[in-house]
């Protein structure tokens, strides 16, 4: 997946939010994120500029109205001057 950004040269903050299913566990390992459950695991190779900060926070998942379950959210944040920039996110499943 890739995102192309174009803007004036002033400073902007860009955030990406990746919400994971409640039965998945998300762990950050440097610039990689490992996602797993009892049945399988896969990794997410993150290939944005080095200035992108990664964090994992708790959120809520709702499968039906009025039903909420805790889930993990990967948040990627970048701040800087944008004229034209491309961010590439590579999702790769481990065997």
N, C-alpha and C. Protein backbone atom coordinates (compact mmCIF):
# COMPACT_ATOMS: atom_id res chain seq x y z
N UNK A 1 0.86 -1.15 0.00
CA UNK A 1 0.00 0.00 0.00
C UNK A 1 0.91 1.22 0.00
N UNK A 2 0.57 2.22 -0.79
CA UNK A 2 1.36 3.44 -0.78
C UNK A 2 0.45 4.65 -0.71
N UNK A 3 0.95 5.67 -0.05
CA UNK A 3 0.25 6.95 0.05
C UNK A 3 1.14 8.01 -0.57
N UNK A 4 0.58 8.81 -1.46
CA UNK A 4 1.29 9.93 -2.05
C UNK A 4 0.69 11.21 -1.50
N UNK A 5 1.55 12.07 -0.95
CA UNK A 5 1.09 13.32 -0.36
C UNK A 5 1.62 14.49 -1.17
N UNK A 6 0.76 15.48 -1.39
CA UNK A 6 1.16 16.73 -2.01
C UNK A 6 0.54 17.86 -1.22
N UNK A 7 1.34 18.88 -0.92
CA UNK A 7 0.84 20.01 -0.15
C UNK A 7 1.78 21.18 -0.36
N UNK A 8 1.40 22.32 0.22
CA UNK A 8 2.34 23.44 0.19
C UNK A 8 3.52 23.07 1.09
N UNK A 9 4.52 23.90 1.15
CA UNK A 9 5.74 23.54 1.86
C UNK A 9 5.69 23.80 3.36
N UNK A 10 4.53 24.15 3.91
CA UNK A 10 4.44 24.36 5.35
C UNK A 10 4.43 23.02 6.07
N UNK A 11 4.63 23.06 7.37
CA UNK A 11 4.69 21.84 8.18
C UNK A 11 3.30 21.24 8.36
N UNK A 12 3.22 19.94 8.18
CA UNK A 12 1.97 19.20 8.36
C UNK A 12 2.24 17.99 9.25
N UNK A 13 1.19 17.51 9.92
CA UNK A 13 1.26 16.26 10.66
C UNK A 13 0.34 15.26 9.97
N UNK A 14 0.88 14.07 9.71
CA UNK A 14 0.13 13.01 9.06
C UNK A 14 0.09 11.81 10.00
N UNK A 15 -1.10 11.21 10.17
CA UNK A 15 -1.24 10.02 11.02
C UNK A 15 -1.98 8.94 10.25
N UNK A 16 -1.51 7.71 10.42
CA UNK A 16 -2.18 6.54 9.88
C UNK A 16 -2.63 5.69 11.06
N UNK A 17 -3.83 5.14 10.99
CA UNK A 17 -4.38 4.30 12.05
C UNK A 17 -4.71 2.93 11.46
N UNK A 18 -4.08 1.89 11.97
CA UNK A 18 -4.36 0.52 11.54
C UNK A 18 -5.01 -0.21 12.71
N UNK A 19 -6.28 -0.55 12.56
CA UNK A 19 -7.06 -1.22 13.62
C UNK A 19 -7.01 -2.73 13.39
N UNK A 20 -6.70 -3.48 14.44
CA UNK A 20 -6.58 -4.93 14.34
C UNK A 20 -7.73 -5.61 15.08
N UNK A 21 -8.09 -6.80 14.61
CA UNK A 21 -9.17 -7.58 15.23
C UNK A 21 -8.82 -7.88 16.69
N UNK A 22 -9.84 -8.00 17.54
CA UNK A 22 -9.60 -8.22 18.97
C UNK A 22 -8.81 -9.49 19.30
N UNK A 23 -8.87 -10.51 18.44
CA UNK A 23 -8.15 -11.75 18.74
C UNK A 23 -6.69 -11.74 18.28
N UNK A 24 -6.21 -10.60 17.79
CA UNK A 24 -4.83 -10.48 17.35
C UNK A 24 -3.98 -9.76 18.40
N UNK A 25 -2.72 -10.16 18.50
CA UNK A 25 -1.75 -9.50 19.37
C UNK A 25 -0.78 -8.75 18.48
N UNK A 26 -0.49 -7.50 18.82
CA UNK A 26 0.37 -6.65 18.02
C UNK A 26 1.59 -6.28 18.86
N UNK A 27 2.79 -6.52 18.31
CA UNK A 27 4.04 -6.19 18.99
C UNK A 27 4.94 -5.41 18.05
N UNK A 28 5.58 -4.37 18.55
CA UNK A 28 6.52 -3.59 17.75
C UNK A 28 7.93 -4.10 18.00
N UNK A 29 8.67 -4.34 16.92
CA UNK A 29 10.06 -4.76 16.98
C UNK A 29 10.86 -3.86 16.06
N UNK A 30 11.38 -2.76 16.60
CA UNK A 30 12.08 -1.74 15.83
C UNK A 30 11.16 -1.21 14.73
N UNK A 31 11.53 -1.36 13.46
CA UNK A 31 10.71 -0.85 12.36
C UNK A 31 9.74 -1.90 11.84
N UNK A 32 9.65 -3.03 12.52
CA UNK A 32 8.71 -4.09 12.13
C UNK A 32 7.62 -4.19 13.18
N UNK A 33 6.48 -4.64 12.74
CA UNK A 33 5.36 -4.89 13.65
C UNK A 33 4.94 -6.34 13.44
N UNK A 34 4.90 -7.11 14.52
CA UNK A 34 4.50 -8.51 14.45
C UNK A 34 3.06 -8.63 14.92
N UNK A 35 2.24 -9.27 14.10
CA UNK A 35 0.83 -9.47 14.42
C UNK A 35 0.58 -10.97 14.45
N UNK A 36 -0.04 -11.46 15.53
CA UNK A 36 -0.26 -12.90 15.61
C UNK A 36 -1.50 -13.23 16.42
N UNK A 37 -1.98 -14.46 16.22
CA UNK A 37 -3.02 -15.04 17.07
C UNK A 37 -2.70 -16.52 17.21
N UNK A 38 -3.60 -17.30 17.75
CA UNK A 38 -3.33 -18.72 17.96
C UNK A 38 -3.16 -19.48 16.65
N UNK A 39 -3.81 -19.05 15.59
CA UNK A 39 -3.81 -19.79 14.33
C UNK A 39 -2.67 -19.42 13.40
N UNK A 40 -2.23 -18.16 13.39
CA UNK A 40 -1.25 -17.72 12.40
C UNK A 40 -0.53 -16.48 12.88
N UNK A 41 0.53 -16.14 12.18
CA UNK A 41 1.20 -14.88 12.45
C UNK A 41 1.68 -14.29 11.13
N UNK A 42 1.78 -12.99 11.10
CA UNK A 42 2.33 -12.31 9.94
C UNK A 42 3.01 -11.05 10.43
N UNK A 43 3.88 -10.51 9.62
CA UNK A 43 4.56 -9.29 10.01
C UNK A 43 4.17 -8.18 9.07
N UNK A 44 4.32 -6.97 9.55
CA UNK A 44 4.09 -5.79 8.73
C UNK A 44 5.43 -5.09 8.62
N UNK A 45 5.98 -5.03 7.43
CA UNK A 45 7.20 -4.27 7.21
C UNK A 45 6.81 -2.84 6.92
N UNK A 46 7.27 -1.95 7.75
CA UNK A 46 6.94 -0.54 7.58
C UNK A 46 8.12 0.13 6.89
N UNK A 47 7.88 0.76 5.76
CA UNK A 47 8.96 1.34 4.98
C UNK A 47 8.73 2.82 4.69
N UNK A 48 8.34 3.61 5.70
CA UNK A 48 8.24 5.05 5.50
C UNK A 48 9.57 5.70 5.85
N UNK A 49 9.68 7.02 5.71
CA UNK A 49 10.89 7.70 6.15
C UNK A 49 11.17 7.43 7.63
N UNK A 50 12.44 7.52 8.00
CA UNK A 50 12.86 7.21 9.37
C UNK A 50 12.19 8.11 10.41
N UNK A 51 11.71 9.27 10.01
CA UNK A 51 11.10 10.21 10.95
C UNK A 51 9.71 9.78 11.41
N UNK A 52 9.15 8.76 10.80
CA UNK A 52 7.83 8.28 11.19
C UNK A 52 7.94 7.57 12.54
N UNK A 53 7.11 7.99 13.48
CA UNK A 53 7.08 7.38 14.81
C UNK A 53 5.94 6.36 14.85
N UNK A 54 6.24 5.18 15.39
CA UNK A 54 5.24 4.12 15.52
C UNK A 54 4.86 3.94 16.97
N UNK A 55 3.58 3.72 17.23
CA UNK A 55 3.12 3.41 18.59
C UNK A 55 1.94 2.46 18.48
N UNK A 56 1.73 1.72 19.56
CA UNK A 56 0.59 0.80 19.64
C UNK A 56 -0.26 1.24 20.82
N UNK A 57 -1.53 1.47 20.57
CA UNK A 57 -2.45 1.92 21.62
C UNK A 57 -3.67 1.00 21.65
N UNK A 58 -4.37 1.05 22.75
CA UNK A 58 -5.61 0.28 22.88
C UNK A 58 -6.78 1.09 22.34
N UNK A 59 -7.70 0.40 21.70
CA UNK A 59 -8.91 1.02 21.19
C UNK A 59 -10.09 0.09 21.43
N UNK A 60 -11.15 0.29 20.67
CA UNK A 60 -12.34 -0.54 20.81
C UNK A 60 -12.81 -1.01 19.44
N UNK A 61 -13.27 -2.25 19.39
CA UNK A 61 -13.83 -2.86 18.19
C UNK A 61 -15.29 -3.16 18.47
N UNK A 62 -16.15 -2.87 17.50
CA UNK A 62 -17.57 -3.14 17.68
C UNK A 62 -18.05 -4.03 16.53
N UNK A 63 -18.38 -5.28 16.85
CA UNK A 63 -18.88 -6.20 15.82
C UNK A 63 -20.37 -6.00 15.58
N UNK A 64 -21.08 -5.53 16.61
CA UNK A 64 -22.52 -5.26 16.54
C UNK A 64 -22.81 -4.00 17.34
N UNK A 65 -23.96 -3.44 17.10
CA UNK A 65 -24.38 -2.25 17.85
C UNK A 65 -24.39 -2.56 19.35
N UNK A 66 -23.75 -1.69 20.13
CA UNK A 66 -23.74 -1.82 21.58
C UNK A 66 -22.76 -2.84 22.13
N UNK A 67 -22.00 -3.51 21.28
CA UNK A 67 -21.02 -4.49 21.74
C UNK A 67 -19.63 -3.98 21.42
N UNK A 68 -18.80 -3.85 22.43
CA UNK A 68 -17.44 -3.36 22.23
C UNK A 68 -16.45 -4.34 22.84
N UNK A 69 -15.33 -4.52 22.13
CA UNK A 69 -14.24 -5.35 22.62
C UNK A 69 -12.95 -4.54 22.49
N UNK A 70 -12.01 -4.71 23.42
CA UNK A 70 -10.74 -4.01 23.28
C UNK A 70 -9.94 -4.57 22.11
N UNK A 71 -9.24 -3.70 21.42
CA UNK A 71 -8.35 -4.12 20.34
C UNK A 71 -7.14 -3.20 20.31
N UNK A 72 -6.13 -3.60 19.56
CA UNK A 72 -4.92 -2.80 19.45
C UNK A 72 -4.93 -2.03 18.14
N UNK A 73 -4.34 -0.83 18.20
CA UNK A 73 -4.27 0.05 17.04
C UNK A 73 -2.81 0.44 16.83
N UNK A 74 -2.30 0.24 15.63
CA UNK A 74 -0.98 0.73 15.27
C UNK A 74 -1.14 2.14 14.74
N UNK A 75 -0.41 3.08 15.34
CA UNK A 75 -0.49 4.48 14.92
C UNK A 75 0.89 4.89 14.40
N UNK A 76 0.93 5.40 13.19
CA UNK A 76 2.16 5.91 12.59
C UNK A 76 1.99 7.42 12.42
N UNK A 77 2.96 8.18 12.92
CA UNK A 77 2.86 9.64 12.89
C UNK A 77 4.10 10.23 12.23
N UNK A 78 3.90 11.16 11.33
CA UNK A 78 4.99 11.88 10.69
C UNK A 78 4.66 13.36 10.69
N UNK A 79 5.68 14.19 10.93
CA UNK A 79 5.49 15.64 10.89
C UNK A 79 6.65 16.25 10.13
N UNK A 80 6.33 17.15 9.21
CA UNK A 80 7.37 17.81 8.44
C UNK A 80 6.78 18.62 7.31
N UNK A 81 7.68 19.22 6.53
CA UNK A 81 7.26 20.01 5.38
C UNK A 81 7.01 19.07 4.21
N UNK A 82 5.87 19.20 3.61
CA UNK A 82 5.49 18.33 2.50
C UNK A 82 5.41 19.18 1.23
N UNK A 83 6.13 18.79 0.21
CA UNK A 83 5.84 19.31 -1.12
C UNK A 83 5.28 18.14 -1.92
N UNK A 84 6.05 17.06 -1.96
CA UNK A 84 5.55 15.82 -2.52
C UNK A 84 6.32 14.68 -1.85
N UNK A 85 5.61 13.69 -1.35
CA UNK A 85 6.24 12.60 -0.62
C UNK A 85 5.45 11.32 -0.83
N UNK A 86 6.14 10.20 -0.76
CA UNK A 86 5.49 8.90 -0.91
C UNK A 86 5.86 8.03 0.29
N UNK A 87 4.85 7.43 0.91
CA UNK A 87 5.03 6.50 2.01
C UNK A 87 4.60 5.12 1.53
N UNK A 88 5.41 4.11 1.79
CA UNK A 88 5.12 2.75 1.35
C UNK A 88 4.97 1.86 2.57
N UNK A 89 3.87 1.11 2.61
CA UNK A 89 3.60 0.15 3.69
C UNK A 89 3.53 -1.23 3.07
N UNK A 90 4.36 -2.14 3.55
CA UNK A 90 4.41 -3.50 2.99
C UNK A 90 3.88 -4.48 4.02
N UNK A 91 2.84 -5.21 3.68
CA UNK A 91 2.26 -6.23 4.54
C UNK A 91 2.73 -7.59 4.03
N UNK A 92 3.42 -8.34 4.87
CA UNK A 92 3.98 -9.62 4.44
C UNK A 92 3.65 -10.69 5.46
N UNK A 93 3.10 -11.78 5.02
CA UNK A 93 2.73 -12.88 5.92
C UNK A 93 3.91 -13.82 6.12
N UNK A 94 4.21 -14.13 7.38
CA UNK A 94 5.23 -15.14 7.70
C UNK A 94 4.65 -16.51 7.47
N UNK A 95 5.47 -17.44 7.03
CA UNK A 95 4.97 -18.80 6.83
C UNK A 95 5.16 -19.65 8.07
